[in-house]
Amino acid sequence: VQRLVEAFYKKLCGDGKMDSKRAARALHQAVNSLVHDKQNPM
């Protein structure tokens, strides 16, 4: 959860804008980034 939450908020708010309409995509991107983490895949 800690890894996912960090990745999620980077995807959601990384550009400095908070837009809840981007949450679904940010969740997908965060999970996907952790799935492909070679050191510690989710």
PDB file of all heavy atoms in Angstrom:
ATOM      1  N   VAL A   1       0.840  -1.206   0.000  1.00  0.00           N
ATOM      2  CA  VAL A   1       0.000   0.000   0.000  1.00  0.00           C
ATOM      3  C   VAL A   1       0.866   1.243   0.000  1.00  0.00           C
ATOM      4  O   VAL A   1       0.604   2.187  -0.747  1.00  0.00           O
ATOM      5  CB  VAL A   1      -0.949   0.017   1.218  1.00  0.00           C
ATOM      6  CG1 VAL A   1      -1.640   1.358   1.348  1.00  0.00           C
ATOM      7  CG2 VAL A   1      -1.978  -1.069   1.106  1.00  0.00           C
ATOM      8  N   GLN A   2       1.893   1.259   0.813  1.00  0.00           N
ATOM      9  CA  GLN A   2       2.764   2.428   0.879  1.00  0.00           C
ATOM     10  C   GLN A   2       3.395   2.716  -0.479  1.00  0.00           C
ATOM     11  O   GLN A   2       3.418   3.856  -0.928  1.00  0.00           O
ATOM     12  CB  GLN A   2       3.851   2.212   1.928  1.00  0.00           C
ATOM     13  CG  GLN A   2       4.726   3.426   2.133  1.00  0.00           C
ATOM     14  CD  GLN A   2       5.736   3.218   3.250  1.00  0.00           C
ATOM     15  OE1 GLN A   2       5.753   2.197   3.921  1.00  0.00           O
ATOM     16  NE2 GLN A   2       6.584   4.202   3.443  1.00  0.00           N
ATOM     17  N   ARG A   3       3.878   1.683  -1.143  1.00  0.00           N
ATOM     18  CA  ARG A   3       4.475   1.862  -2.480  1.00  0.00           C
ATOM     19  C   ARG A   3       3.429   2.351  -3.477  1.00  0.00           C
ATOM     20  O   ARG A   3       3.688   3.243  -4.280  1.00  0.00           O
ATOM     21  CB  ARG A   3       5.077   0.550  -2.964  1.00  0.00           C
ATOM     22  CG  ARG A   3       6.315   0.124  -2.202  1.00  0.00           C
ATOM     23  CD  ARG A   3       6.825  -1.242  -2.632  1.00  0.00           C
ATOM     24  NE  ARG A   3       7.167  -1.254  -4.044  1.00  0.00           N
ATOM     25  CZ  ARG A   3       6.979  -2.311  -4.842  1.00  0.00           C
ATOM     26  NH1 ARG A   3       6.467  -3.426  -4.377  1.00  0.00           N
ATOM     27  NH2 ARG A   3       7.327  -2.240  -6.108  1.00  0.00           N
ATOM     28  N   LEU A   4       2.233   1.749  -3.425  1.00  0.00           N
ATOM     29  CA  LEU A   4       1.191   2.123  -4.376  1.00  0.00           C
ATOM     30  C   LEU A   4       0.722   3.550  -4.151  1.00  0.00           C
ATOM     31  O   LEU A   4       0.552   4.311  -5.109  1.00  0.00           O
ATOM     32  CB  LEU A   4       0.002   1.173  -4.306  1.00  0.00           C
ATOM     33  CG  LEU A   4      -1.086   1.606  -5.291  1.00  0.00           C
ATOM     34  CD1 LEU A   4      -0.767   1.108  -6.683  1.00  0.00           C
ATOM     35  CD2 LEU A   4      -2.438   1.207  -4.846  1.00  0.00           C
ATOM     36  N   VAL A   5       0.511   3.912  -2.902  1.00  0.00           N
ATOM     37  CA  VAL A   5       0.033   5.264  -2.600  1.00  0.00           C
ATOM     38  C   VAL A   5       1.035   6.303  -3.105  1.00  0.00           C
ATOM     39  O   VAL A   5       0.643   7.303  -3.716  1.00  0.00           O
ATOM     40  CB  VAL A   5      -0.234   5.415  -1.080  1.00  0.00           C
ATOM     41  CG1 VAL A   5      -0.391   6.871  -0.684  1.00  0.00           C
ATOM     42  CG2 VAL A   5      -1.470   4.624  -0.687  1.00  0.00           C
ATOM     43  N   GLU A   6       2.299   6.068  -2.862  1.00  0.00           N
ATOM     44  CA  GLU A   6       3.318   7.005  -3.347  1.00  0.00           C
ATOM     45  C   GLU A   6       3.293   7.115  -4.867  1.00  0.00           C
ATOM     46  O   GLU A   6       3.285   8.214  -5.423  1.00  0.00           O
ATOM     47  CB  GLU A   6       4.696   6.547  -2.872  1.00  0.00           C
ATOM     48  CG  GLU A   6       5.797   7.519  -3.236  1.00  0.00           C
ATOM     49  CD  GLU A   6       7.156   7.063  -2.699  1.00  0.00           C
ATOM     50  OE1 GLU A   6       7.199   6.441  -1.619  1.00  0.00           O
ATOM     51  OE2 GLU A   6       8.155   7.344  -3.381  1.00  0.00           O
ATOM     52  N   ALA A   7       3.243   5.980  -5.553  1.00  0.00           N
ATOM     53  CA  ALA A   7       3.195   5.993  -7.020  1.00  0.00           C
ATOM     54  C   ALA A   7       1.907   6.632  -7.522  1.00  0.00           C
ATOM     55  O   ALA A   7       1.912   7.403  -8.494  1.00  0.00           O
ATOM     56  CB  ALA A   7       3.334   4.565  -7.557  1.00  0.00           C
ATOM     57  N   PHE A   8       0.791   6.346  -6.853  1.00  0.00           N
ATOM     58  CA  PHE A   8      -0.502   6.899  -7.250  1.00  0.00           C
ATOM     59  C   PHE A   8      -0.498   8.421  -7.199  1.00  0.00           C
ATOM     60  O   PHE A   8      -0.871   9.094  -8.160  1.00  0.00           O
ATOM     61  CB  PHE A   8      -1.614   6.340  -6.351  1.00  0.00           C
ATOM     62  CG  PHE A   8      -2.939   7.014  -6.557  1.00  0.00           C
ATOM     63  CD1 PHE A   8      -3.744   6.670  -7.621  1.00  0.00           C
ATOM     64  CD2 PHE A   8      -3.373   8.001  -5.686  1.00  0.00           C
ATOM     65  CE1 PHE A   8      -4.964   7.301  -7.820  1.00  0.00           C
ATOM     66  CE2 PHE A   8      -4.584   8.629  -5.869  1.00  0.00           C
ATOM     67  CZ  PHE A   8      -5.390   8.276  -6.949  1.00  0.00           C
ATOM     68  N   TYR A   9      -0.064   8.989  -6.072  1.00  0.00           N
ATOM     69  CA  TYR A   9      -0.098  10.441  -5.946  1.00  0.00           C
ATOM     70  C   TYR A   9       0.906  11.123  -6.868  1.00  0.00           C
ATOM     71  O   TYR A   9       0.654  12.238  -7.332  1.00  0.00           O
ATOM     72  CB  TYR A   9       0.074  10.875  -4.485  1.00  0.00           C
ATOM     73  CG  TYR A   9      -1.202  10.693  -3.686  1.00  0.00           C
ATOM     74  CD1 TYR A   9      -1.278   9.762  -2.662  1.00  0.00           C
ATOM     75  CD2 TYR A   9      -2.345  11.428  -3.977  1.00  0.00           C
ATOM     76  CE1 TYR A   9      -2.465   9.579  -1.932  1.00  0.00           C
ATOM     77  CE2 TYR A   9      -3.523  11.256  -3.269  1.00  0.00           C
ATOM     78  CZ  TYR A   9      -3.572  10.333  -2.248  1.00  0.00           C
ATOM     79  OH  TYR A   9      -4.742  10.156  -1.547  1.00  0.00           O
ATOM     80  N   LYS A  10       1.999  10.470  -7.178  1.00  0.00           N
ATOM     81  CA  LYS A  10       2.932  11.027  -8.178  1.00  0.00           C
ATOM     82  C   LYS A  10       2.257  11.096  -9.534  1.00  0.00           C
ATOM     83  O   LYS A  10       2.415  12.068 -10.268  1.00  0.00           O
ATOM     84  CB  LYS A  10       4.201  10.189  -8.257  1.00  0.00           C
ATOM     85  CG  LYS A  10       5.164  10.454  -7.140  1.00  0.00           C
ATOM     86  CD  LYS A  10       6.433   9.635  -7.292  1.00  0.00           C
ATOM     87  CE  LYS A  10       7.358   9.886  -6.121  1.00  0.00           C
ATOM     88  NZ  LYS A  10       8.550   9.035  -6.160  1.00  0.00           N
ATOM     89  N   LYS A  11       1.510  10.058  -9.875  1.00  0.00           N
ATOM     90  CA  LYS A  11       0.791  10.049 -11.159  1.00  0.00           C
ATOM     91  C   LYS A  11      -0.365  11.048 -11.149  1.00  0.00           C
ATOM     92  O   LYS A  11      -0.619  11.725 -12.131  1.00  0.00           O
ATOM     93  CB  LYS A  11       0.251   8.646 -11.475  1.00  0.00           C
ATOM     94  CG  LYS A  11       1.292   7.566 -11.552  1.00  0.00           C
ATOM     95  CD  LYS A  11       2.212   7.745 -12.723  1.00  0.00           C
ATOM     96  CE  LYS A  11       3.180   6.587 -12.815  1.00  0.00           C
ATOM     97  NZ  LYS A  11       4.216   6.792 -13.814  1.00  0.00           N
ATOM     98  N   LEU A  12      -1.077  11.128 -10.024  1.00  0.00           N
ATOM     99  CA  LEU A  12      -2.255  11.988  -9.942  1.00  0.00           C
ATOM    100  C   LEU A  12      -1.888  13.469  -9.874  1.00  0.00           C
ATOM    101  O   LEU A  12      -2.507  14.303 -10.529  1.00  0.00           O
ATOM    102  CB  LEU A  12      -3.107  11.613  -8.727  1.00  0.00           C
ATOM    103  CG  LEU A  12      -4.415  12.382  -8.566  1.00  0.00           C
ATOM    104  CD1 LEU A  12      -5.399  11.994  -9.657  1.00  0.00           C
ATOM    105  CD2 LEU A  12      -5.025  12.106  -7.201  1.00  0.00           C
ATOM    106  N   CYS A  13      -0.878  13.800  -9.075  1.00  0.00           N
ATOM    107  CA  CYS A  13      -0.558  15.207  -8.792  1.00  0.00           C
ATOM    108  C   CYS A  13       0.863  15.603  -9.180  1.00  0.00           C
ATOM    109  O   CYS A  13       1.310  16.685  -8.795  1.00  0.00           O
ATOM    110  CB  CYS A  13      -0.727  15.490  -7.298  1.00  0.00           C
ATOM    111  SG  CYS A  13      -2.290  14.976  -6.610  1.00  0.00           S
ATOM    112  N   GLY A  14       1.546  14.764  -9.903  1.00  0.00           N
ATOM    113  CA  GLY A  14       2.949  15.002 -10.233  1.00  0.00           C
ATOM    114  C   GLY A  14       3.202  16.290 -10.984  1.00  0.00           C
ATOM    115  O   GLY A  14       4.280  16.888 -10.884  1.00  0.00           O
ATOM    116  N   ASP A  15       2.212  16.753 -11.724  1.00  0.00           N
ATOM    117  CA  ASP A  15       2.382  17.993 -12.485  1.00  0.00           C
ATOM    118  C   ASP A  15       1.897  19.214 -11.701  1.00  0.00           C
ATOM    119  O   ASP A  15       1.806  20.313 -12.237  1.00  0.00           O
ATOM    120  CB  ASP A  15       1.660  17.904 -13.826  1.00  0.00           C
ATOM    121  CG  ASP A  15       0.155  17.719 -13.694  1.00  0.00           C
ATOM    122  OD1 ASP A  15      -0.351  17.627 -12.551  1.00  0.00           O
ATOM    123  OD2 ASP A  15      -0.520  17.659 -14.743  1.00  0.00           O
ATOM    124  N   GLY A  16       1.560  19.013 -10.421  1.00  0.00           N
ATOM    125  CA  GLY A  16       1.130  20.123  -9.585  1.00  0.00           C
ATOM    126  C   GLY A  16      -0.359  20.405  -9.636  1.00  0.00           C
ATOM    127  O   GLY A  16      -0.850  21.283  -8.940  1.00  0.00           O
ATOM    128  N   LYS A  17      -1.097  19.666 -10.444  1.00  0.00           N
ATOM    129  CA  LYS A  17      -2.540  19.873 -10.564  1.00  0.00           C
ATOM    130  C   LYS A  17      -3.275  18.735  -9.865  1.00  0.00           C
ATOM    131  O   LYS A  17      -2.928  17.574 -10.033  1.00  0.00           O
ATOM    132  CB  LYS A  17      -2.955  19.914 -12.037  1.00  0.00           C
ATOM    133  CG  LYS A  17      -2.333  21.050 -12.804  1.00  0.00           C
ATOM    134  CD  LYS A  17      -2.704  20.975 -14.266  1.00  0.00           C
ATOM    135  CE  LYS A  17      -1.944  22.041 -15.047  1.00  0.00           C
ATOM    136  NZ  LYS A  17      -2.095  21.876 -16.478  1.00  0.00           N
ATOM    137  N   MET A  18      -4.287  19.093  -9.089  1.00  0.00           N
ATOM    138  CA  MET A  18      -5.115  18.088  -8.422  1.00  0.00           C
ATOM    139  C   MET A  18      -6.443  18.010  -9.155  1.00  0.00           C
ATOM    140  O   MET A  18      -7.216  18.964  -9.146  1.00  0.00           O
ATOM    141  CB  MET A  18      -5.307  18.459  -6.957  1.00  0.00           C
ATOM    142  CG  MET A  18      -4.039  18.364  -6.148  1.00  0.00           C
ATOM    143  SD  MET A  18      -4.213  18.852  -4.416  1.00  0.00           S
ATOM    144  CE  MET A  18      -5.368  17.655  -3.809  1.00  0.00           C
ATOM    145  N   ASP A  19      -6.685  16.887  -9.812  1.00  0.00           N
ATOM    146  CA  ASP A  19      -7.911  16.690 -10.569  1.00  0.00           C
ATOM    147  C   ASP A  19      -8.405  15.272 -10.309  1.00  0.00           C
ATOM    148  O   ASP A  19      -7.791  14.301 -10.767  1.00  0.00           O
ATOM    149  CB  ASP A  19      -7.649  16.904 -12.056  1.00  0.00           C
ATOM    150  CG  ASP A  19      -8.899  16.791 -12.907  1.00  0.00           C
ATOM    151  OD1 ASP A  19      -9.971  16.413 -12.386  1.00  0.00           O
ATOM    152  OD2 ASP A  19      -8.809  17.071 -14.115  1.00  0.00           O
ATOM    153  N   SER A  20      -9.496  15.146  -9.581  1.00  0.00           N
ATOM    154  CA  SER A  20     -10.013  13.828  -9.220  1.00  0.00           C
ATOM    155  C   SER A  20     -10.438  13.009 -10.435  1.00  0.00           C
ATOM    156  O   SER A  20     -10.508  11.788 -10.353  1.00  0.00           O
ATOM    157  CB  SER A  20     -11.185  13.963  -8.250  1.00  0.00           C
ATOM    158  OG  SER A  20     -12.265  14.640  -8.865  1.00  0.00           O
ATOM    159  N   LYS A  21     -10.685  13.668 -11.559  1.00  0.00           N
ATOM    160  CA  LYS A  21     -11.078  12.946 -12.764  1.00  0.00           C
ATOM    161  C   LYS A  21      -9.925  12.123 -13.338  1.00  0.00           C
ATOM    162  O   LYS A  21     -10.142  11.301 -14.210  1.00  0.00           O
ATOM    163  CB  LYS A  21     -11.610  13.921 -13.812  1.00  0.00           C
ATOM    164  CG  LYS A  21     -12.918  14.544 -13.405  1.00  0.00           C
ATOM    165  CD  LYS A  21     -13.407  15.524 -14.434  1.00  0.00           C
ATOM    166  CE  LYS A  21     -14.712  16.133 -13.948  1.00  0.00           C
ATOM    167  NZ  LYS A  21     -14.887  17.490 -14.343  1.00  0.00           N
ATOM    168  N   ARG A  22      -8.728  12.346 -12.833  1.00  0.00           N
ATOM    169  CA  ARG A  22      -7.560  11.588 -13.304  1.00  0.00           C
ATOM    170  C   ARG A  22      -7.263  10.392 -12.397  1.00  0.00           C
ATOM    171  O   ARG A  22      -6.287   9.682 -12.599  1.00  0.00           O
ATOM    172  CB  ARG A  22      -6.338  12.505 -13.358  1.00  0.00           C
ATOM    173  CG  ARG A  22      -6.530  13.641 -14.320  1.00  0.00           C
ATOM    174  CD  ARG A  22      -5.459  14.679 -14.429  1.00  0.00           C
ATOM    175  NE  ARG A  22      -4.303  14.556 -13.567  1.00  0.00           N
ATOM    176  CZ  ARG A  22      -3.315  15.435 -13.536  1.00  0.00           C
ATOM    177  NH1 ARG A  22      -3.358  16.497 -14.305  1.00  0.00           N
ATOM    178  NH2 ARG A  22      -2.299  15.281 -12.736  1.00  0.00           N
ATOM    179  N   ALA A  23      -8.091  10.137 -11.389  1.00  0.00           N
ATOM    180  CA  ALA A  23      -7.796   9.106 -10.391  1.00  0.00           C
ATOM    181  C   ALA A  23      -7.756   7.695 -10.980  1.00  0.00           C
ATOM    182  O   ALA A  23      -6.855   6.914 -10.647  1.00  0.00           O
ATOM    183  CB  ALA A  23      -8.798   9.176  -9.249  1.00  0.00           C
ATOM    184  N   ALA A  24      -8.700   7.352 -11.826  1.00  0.00           N
ATOM    185  CA  ALA A  24      -8.725   5.996 -12.392  1.00  0.00           C
ATOM    186  C   ALA A  24      -7.461   5.731 -13.196  1.00  0.00           C
ATOM    187  O   ALA A  24      -6.818   4.686 -13.053  1.00  0.00           O
ATOM    188  CB  ALA A  24      -9.969   5.799 -13.253  1.00  0.00           C
ATOM    189  N   ARG A  25      -7.091   6.674 -14.028  1.00  0.00           N
ATOM    190  CA  ARG A  25      -5.876   6.501 -14.842  1.00  0.00           C
ATOM    191  C   ARG A  25      -4.641   6.487 -13.951  1.00  0.00           C
ATOM    192  O   ARG A  25      -3.725   5.689 -14.166  1.00  0.00           O
ATOM    193  CB  ARG A  25      -5.750   7.599 -15.893  1.00  0.00           C
ATOM    194  CG  ARG A  25      -4.425   7.467 -16.658  1.00  0.00           C
ATOM    195  CD  ARG A  25      -4.329   8.145 -17.978  1.00  0.00           C
ATOM    196  NE  ARG A  25      -5.271   7.826 -18.987  1.00  0.00           N
ATOM    197  CZ  ARG A  25      -5.259   6.711 -19.737  1.00  0.00           C
ATOM    198  NH1 ARG A  25      -4.388   5.782 -19.518  1.00  0.00           N
ATOM    199  NH2 ARG A  25      -6.137   6.542 -20.679  1.00  0.00           N
ATOM    200  N   ALA A  26      -4.597   7.339 -12.946  1.00  0.00           N
ATOM    201  CA  ALA A  26      -3.447   7.374 -12.037  1.00  0.00           C
ATOM    202  C   ALA A  26      -3.308   6.041 -11.297  1.00  0.00           C
ATOM    203  O   ALA A  26      -2.191   5.546 -11.104  1.00  0.00           O
ATOM    204  CB  ALA A  26      -3.582   8.527 -11.047  1.00  0.00           C
ATOM    205  N   LEU A  27      -4.426   5.451 -10.890  1.00  0.00           N
ATOM    206  CA  LEU A  27      -4.381   4.155 -10.224  1.00  0.00           C
ATOM    207  C   LEU A  27      -3.840   3.091 -11.177  1.00  0.00           C
ATOM    208  O   LEU A  27      -2.961   2.315 -10.813  1.00  0.00           O
ATOM    209  CB  LEU A  27      -5.770   3.759  -9.713  1.00  0.00           C
ATOM    210  CG  LEU A  27      -5.866   2.416  -9.000  1.00  0.00           C
ATOM    211  CD1 LEU A  27      -4.992   2.400  -7.748  1.00  0.00           C
ATOM    212  CD2 LEU A  27      -7.318   2.107  -8.650  1.00  0.00           C
ATOM    213  N   HIS A  28      -4.348   3.076 -12.388  1.00  0.00           N
ATOM    214  CA  HIS A  28      -3.868   2.121 -13.392  1.00  0.00           C
ATOM    215  C   HIS A  28      -2.366   2.292 -13.638  1.00  0.00           C
ATOM    216  O   HIS A  28      -1.616   1.313 -13.662  1.00  0.00           O
ATOM    217  CB  HIS A  28      -4.650   2.300 -14.697  1.00  0.00           C
ATOM    218  CG  HIS A  28      -4.091   1.515 -15.830  1.00  0.00           C
ATOM    219  ND1 HIS A  28      -4.254   0.147 -15.941  1.00  0.00           N
ATOM    220  CD2 HIS A  28      -3.347   1.894 -16.897  1.00  0.00           C
ATOM    221  CE1 HIS A  28      -3.636  -0.264 -17.033  1.00  0.00           C
ATOM    222  NE2 HIS A  28      -3.082   0.774 -17.630  1.00  0.00           N
ATOM    223  N   GLN A  29      -1.929   3.517 -13.821  1.00  0.00           N
ATOM    224  CA  GLN A  29      -0.515   3.771 -14.082  1.00  0.00           C
ATOM    225  C   GLN A  29       0.368   3.401 -12.891  1.00  0.00           C
ATOM    226  O   GLN A  29       1.460   2.867 -13.066  1.00  0.00           O
ATOM    227  CB  GLN A  29      -0.310   5.244 -14.456  1.00  0.00           C
ATOM    228  CG  GLN A  29      -0.897   5.606 -15.798  1.00  0.00           C
ATOM    229  CD  GLN A  29      -0.868   7.105 -16.055  1.00  0.00           C
ATOM    230  OE1 GLN A  29      -0.835   7.919 -15.130  1.00  0.00           O
ATOM    231  NE2 GLN A  29      -0.884   7.475 -17.333  1.00  0.00           N
ATOM    232  N   ALA A  30      -0.105   3.684 -11.683  1.00  0.00           N
ATOM    233  CA  ALA A  30       0.673   3.358 -10.484  1.00  0.00           C
ATOM    234  C   ALA A  30       0.833   1.848 -10.340  1.00  0.00           C
ATOM    235  O   ALA A  30       1.941   1.356 -10.088  1.00  0.00           O
ATOM    236  CB  ALA A  30      -0.002   3.952  -9.243  1.00  0.00           C
ATOM    237  N   VAL A  31      -0.263   1.117 -10.494  1.00  0.00           N
ATOM    238  CA  VAL A  31      -0.191  -0.348 -10.411  1.00  0.00           C
ATOM    239  C   VAL A  31       0.740  -0.877 -11.493  1.00  0.00           C
ATOM    240  O   VAL A  31       1.601  -1.723 -11.230  1.00  0.00           O
ATOM    241  CB  VAL A  31      -1.593  -0.980 -10.507  1.00  0.00           C
ATOM    242  CG1 VAL A  31      -1.497  -2.488 -10.698  1.00  0.00           C
ATOM    243  CG2 VAL A  31      -2.424  -0.652  -9.285  1.00  0.00           C
ATOM    244  N   ASN A  32       0.572  -0.387 -12.695  1.00  0.00           N
ATOM    245  CA  ASN A  32       1.393  -0.841 -13.813  1.00  0.00           C
ATOM    246  C   ASN A  32       2.880  -0.577 -13.557  1.00  0.00           C
ATOM    247  O   ASN A  32       3.728  -1.419 -13.863  1.00  0.00           O
ATOM    248  CB  ASN A  32       0.938  -0.170 -15.110  1.00  0.00           C
ATOM    249  CG  ASN A  32       1.474  -0.873 -16.324  1.00  0.00           C
ATOM    250  OD1 ASN A  32       1.514  -2.095 -16.370  1.00  0.00           O
ATOM    251  ND2 ASN A  32       1.884  -0.099 -17.319  1.00  0.00           N
ATOM    252  N   SER A  33       3.202   0.557 -12.993  1.00  0.00           N
ATOM    253  CA  SER A  33       4.612   0.865 -12.719  1.00  0.00           C
ATOM    254  C   SER A  33       5.186  -0.091 -11.674  1.00  0.00           C
ATOM    255  O   SER A  33       6.354  -0.484 -11.751  1.00  0.00           O
ATOM    256  CB  SER A  33       4.795   2.318 -12.269  1.00  0.00           C
ATOM    257  OG  SER A  33       4.267   2.523 -10.971  1.00  0.00           O
ATOM    258  N   LEU A  34       4.384  -0.502 -10.699  1.00  0.00           N
ATOM    259  CA  LEU A  34       4.860  -1.425  -9.667  1.00  0.00           C
ATOM    260  C   LEU A  34       4.912  -2.870 -10.171  1.00  0.00           C
ATOM    261  O   LEU A  34       5.727  -3.663  -9.697  1.00  0.00           O
ATOM    262  CB  LEU A  34       3.996  -1.326  -8.419  1.00  0.00           C
ATOM    263  CG  LEU A  34       4.044   0.029  -7.711  1.00  0.00           C
ATOM    264  CD1 LEU A  34       3.128   0.031  -6.502  1.00  0.00           C
ATOM    265  CD2 LEU A  34       5.458   0.407  -7.320  1.00  0.00           C
ATOM    266  N   VAL A  35       4.071  -3.210 -11.109  1.00  0.00           N
ATOM    267  CA  VAL A  35       4.111  -4.540 -11.717  1.00  0.00           C
ATOM    268  C   VAL A  35       5.433  -4.722 -12.455  1.00  0.00           C
ATOM    269  O   VAL A  35       6.038  -5.789 -12.421  1.00  0.00           O
ATOM    270  CB  VAL A  35       2.928  -4.737 -12.687  1.00  0.00           C
ATOM    271  CG1 VAL A  35       3.116  -5.956 -13.573  1.00  0.00           C
ATOM    272  CG2 VAL A  35       1.630  -4.841 -11.914  1.00  0.00           C
ATOM    273  N   HIS A  36       5.901  -3.661 -13.099  1.00  0.00           N
ATOM    274  CA  HIS A  36       7.121  -3.728 -13.899  1.00  0.00           C
ATOM    275  C   HIS A  36       8.376  -3.328 -13.129  1.00  0.00           C
ATOM    276  O   HIS A  36       9.430  -3.141 -13.726  1.00  0.00           O
ATOM    277  CB  HIS A  36       6.956  -2.872 -15.163  1.00  0.00           C
ATOM    278  CG  HIS A  36       5.914  -3.435 -16.079  1.00  0.00           C
ATOM    279  ND1 HIS A  36       4.614  -2.976 -16.088  1.00  0.00           N
ATOM    280  CD2 HIS A  36       5.956  -4.451 -16.967  1.00  0.00           C
ATOM    281  CE1 HIS A  36       3.910  -3.671 -16.962  1.00  0.00           C
ATOM    282  NE2 HIS A  36       4.706  -4.577 -17.502  1.00  0.00           N
ATOM    283  N   ASP A  37       8.278  -3.205 -11.829  1.00  0.00           N
ATOM    284  CA  ASP A  37       9.434  -2.910 -10.988  1.00  0.00           C
ATOM    285  C   ASP A  37      10.305  -4.167 -10.916  1.00  0.00           C
ATOM    286  O   ASP A  37       9.922  -5.163 -10.309  1.00  0.00           O
ATOM    287  CB  ASP A  37       8.971  -2.496  -9.593  1.00  0.00           C
ATOM    288  CG  ASP A  37      10.109  -2.151  -8.657  1.00  0.00           C
ATOM    289  OD1 ASP A  37      11.278  -2.446  -8.968  1.00  0.00           O
ATOM    290  OD2 ASP A  37       9.819  -1.595  -7.583  1.00  0.00           O
ATOM    291  N   LYS A  38      11.466  -4.135 -11.560  1.00  0.00           N
ATOM    292  CA  LYS A  38      12.347  -5.312 -11.643  1.00  0.00           C
ATOM    293  C   LYS A  38      12.864  -5.739 -10.275  1.00  0.00           C
ATOM    294  O   LYS A  38      13.065  -6.911 -10.022  1.00  0.00           O
ATOM    295  CB  LYS A  38      13.535  -5.024 -12.569  1.00  0.00           C
ATOM    296  CG  LYS A  38      13.140  -4.651 -13.976  1.00  0.00           C
ATOM    297  CD  LYS A  38      12.657  -5.853 -14.736  1.00  0.00           C
ATOM    298  CE  LYS A  38      12.438  -5.464 -16.180  1.00  0.00           C
ATOM    299  NZ  LYS A  38      11.390  -6.199 -16.804  1.00  0.00           N
ATOM    300  N   GLN A  39      13.087  -4.783  -9.371  1.00  0.00           N
ATOM    301  CA  GLN A  39      13.616  -5.078  -8.040  1.00  0.00           C
ATOM    302  C   GLN A  39      12.575  -5.755  -7.145  1.00  0.00           C
ATOM    303  O   GLN A  39      12.908  -6.661  -6.388  1.00  0.00           O
ATOM    304  CB  GLN A  39      14.076  -3.781  -7.358  1.00  0.00           C
ATOM    305  CG  GLN A  39      15.138  -3.028  -8.113  1.00  0.00           C
ATOM    306  CD  GLN A  39      16.517  -3.587  -7.824  1.00  0.00           C
ATOM    307  OE1 GLN A  39      16.733  -4.219  -6.813  1.00  0.00           O
ATOM    308  NE2 GLN A  39      17.442  -3.347  -8.737  1.00  0.00           N
ATOM    309  N   ASN A  40      11.338  -5.279  -7.219  1.00  0.00           N
ATOM    310  CA  ASN A  40      10.305  -5.745  -6.300  1.00  0.00           C
ATOM    311  C   ASN A  40       8.934  -5.672  -6.980  1.00  0.00           C
ATOM    312  O   ASN A  40       8.120  -4.802  -6.659  1.00  0.00           O
ATOM    313  CB  ASN A  40      10.342  -4.880  -5.028  1.00  0.00           C
ATOM    314  CG  ASN A  40       9.436  -5.405  -3.945  1.00  0.00           C
ATOM    315  OD1 ASN A  40       8.923  -6.511  -4.019  1.00  0.00           O
ATOM    316  ND2 ASN A  40       9.230  -4.588  -2.929  1.00  0.00           N
ATOM    317  N   PRO A  41       8.657  -6.584  -7.921  1.00  0.00           N
ATOM    318  CA  PRO A  41       7.368  -6.520  -8.621  1.00  0.00           C
ATOM    319  C   PRO A  41       6.198  -6.778  -7.681  1.00  0.00           C
ATOM    320  O   PRO A  41       6.287  -7.569  -6.755  1.00  0.00           O
ATOM    321  CB  PRO A  41       7.476  -7.612  -9.681  1.00  0.00           C
ATOM    322  CG  PRO A  41       8.565  -8.510  -9.230  1.00  0.00           C
ATOM    323  CD  PRO A  41       9.470  -7.707  -8.348  1.00  0.00           C
ATOM    324  N   MET A  42       5.127  -6.068  -7.920  1.00  0.00           N
ATOM    325  CA  MET A  42       3.919  -6.191  -7.091  1.00  0.00           C
ATOM    326  C   MET A  42       3.248  -7.532  -7.356  1.00  0.00           C
ATOM    327  O   MET A  42       2.982  -7.871  -8.502  1.00  0.00           O
ATOM    328  CB  MET A  42       2.970  -5.040  -7.440  1.00  0.00           C
ATOM    329  CG  MET A  42       1.713  -4.990  -6.634  1.00  0.00           C
ATOM    330  SD  MET A  42       0.645  -3.648  -7.219  1.00  0.00           S
ATOM    331  CE  MET A  42       0.673  -2.594  -5.823  1.00  0.00           C
TER     332      MET A  42
END
